[in-house]
């Protein structure tokens, strides 16, 4: 049974989010071997929910 491949795509996103890499081992000939690395320390990430940085607006100013 051939899968849709979504599981490997999810693994790739998780590994890369944690600062690692994922690859197929080309030297392995008995099936497919997936290898991955992870960073020794968590990568620095920006808070995607924070307000964008920029100059403060005065009470009468509006953003364009």
Protein backbone atom coordinates (compact mmCIF):
# COMPACT_ATOMS: atom_id res chain seq x y z
CA UNK A 1 0.00 0.00 0.00
CA UNK A 2 1.46 3.33 -1.06
CA UNK A 3 0.80 6.25 1.28
CA UNK A 4 0.06 9.80 0.37
CA UNK A 5 3.46 11.07 1.61
CA UNK A 6 1.93 13.53 4.05
CA UNK A 7 3.64 11.81 7.00
CA UNK A 8 7.11 12.48 5.60
CA UNK A 9 6.15 16.08 4.82
CA UNK A 10 5.05 16.51 8.44
CA UNK A 11 8.33 15.01 9.68
CA UNK A 12 10.25 17.44 7.48
CA UNK A 13 8.40 20.45 8.91
CA UNK A 14 8.94 19.26 12.50
CA UNK A 15 12.65 18.51 12.03
CA UNK A 16 13.32 21.81 10.23
CA UNK A 17 11.33 23.75 12.87
CA UNK A 18 13.72 22.35 15.47
CA UNK A 19 16.79 23.40 13.48
CA UNK A 20 17.57 20.03 11.92
CA UNK A 21 17.76 18.39 8.53
CA UNK A 22 16.08 15.32 7.04
CA UNK A 23 17.30 13.25 4.08
CA UNK A 24 17.22 9.87 2.37
CA UNK A 25 20.32 7.71 2.86
CA UNK A 26 21.46 6.94 -0.73
CA UNK A 27 23.93 4.25 0.43
CA UNK A 28 21.24 2.08 2.05
CA UNK A 29 20.00 -0.50 -0.48
CA UNK A 30 17.60 -2.64 1.57
CA UNK A 31 14.50 -0.44 1.48
CA UNK A 32 14.46 3.27 2.23
CA UNK A 33 16.30 4.79 5.15
CA UNK A 34 15.39 8.30 6.30
CA UNK A 35 18.01 10.09 8.39
CA UNK A 36 17.60 13.27 10.38
CA UNK A 37 19.60 15.57 12.60
CA UNK A 38 18.43 17.91 15.34
CA UNK A 39 20.08 21.02 16.72
CA UNK A 40 21.83 20.69 20.08
CA UNK A 41 19.99 23.83 21.26
CA UNK A 42 16.56 25.12 20.25
CA UNK A 43 16.70 27.65 17.40
CA UNK A 44 15.86 31.28 18.11
CA UNK A 45 12.31 31.90 16.90
CA UNK A 46 10.29 35.07 16.69
CA UNK A 47 6.91 35.22 18.38
CA UNK A 48 4.54 35.20 15.39
CA UNK A 49 1.69 36.53 17.52
CA UNK A 50 3.49 39.64 18.74
CA UNK A 51 2.74 43.06 17.30
CA UNK A 52 5.11 44.12 14.53
CA UNK A 53 8.03 46.23 15.65
CA UNK A 54 8.03 49.83 14.57
CA UNK A 55 7.78 53.39 15.79
CA UNK A 56 5.10 54.15 18.35
CA UNK A 57 2.14 56.13 17.06
CA UNK A 58 1.02 59.34 18.70
CA UNK A 59 -2.65 59.50 19.68
CA UNK A 60 -3.55 61.54 16.58
CA UNK A 61 -1.54 59.53 14.03
CA UNK A 62 -2.88 56.70 11.95
CA UNK A 63 -1.03 54.03 10.02
CA UNK A 64 -1.32 54.41 6.21
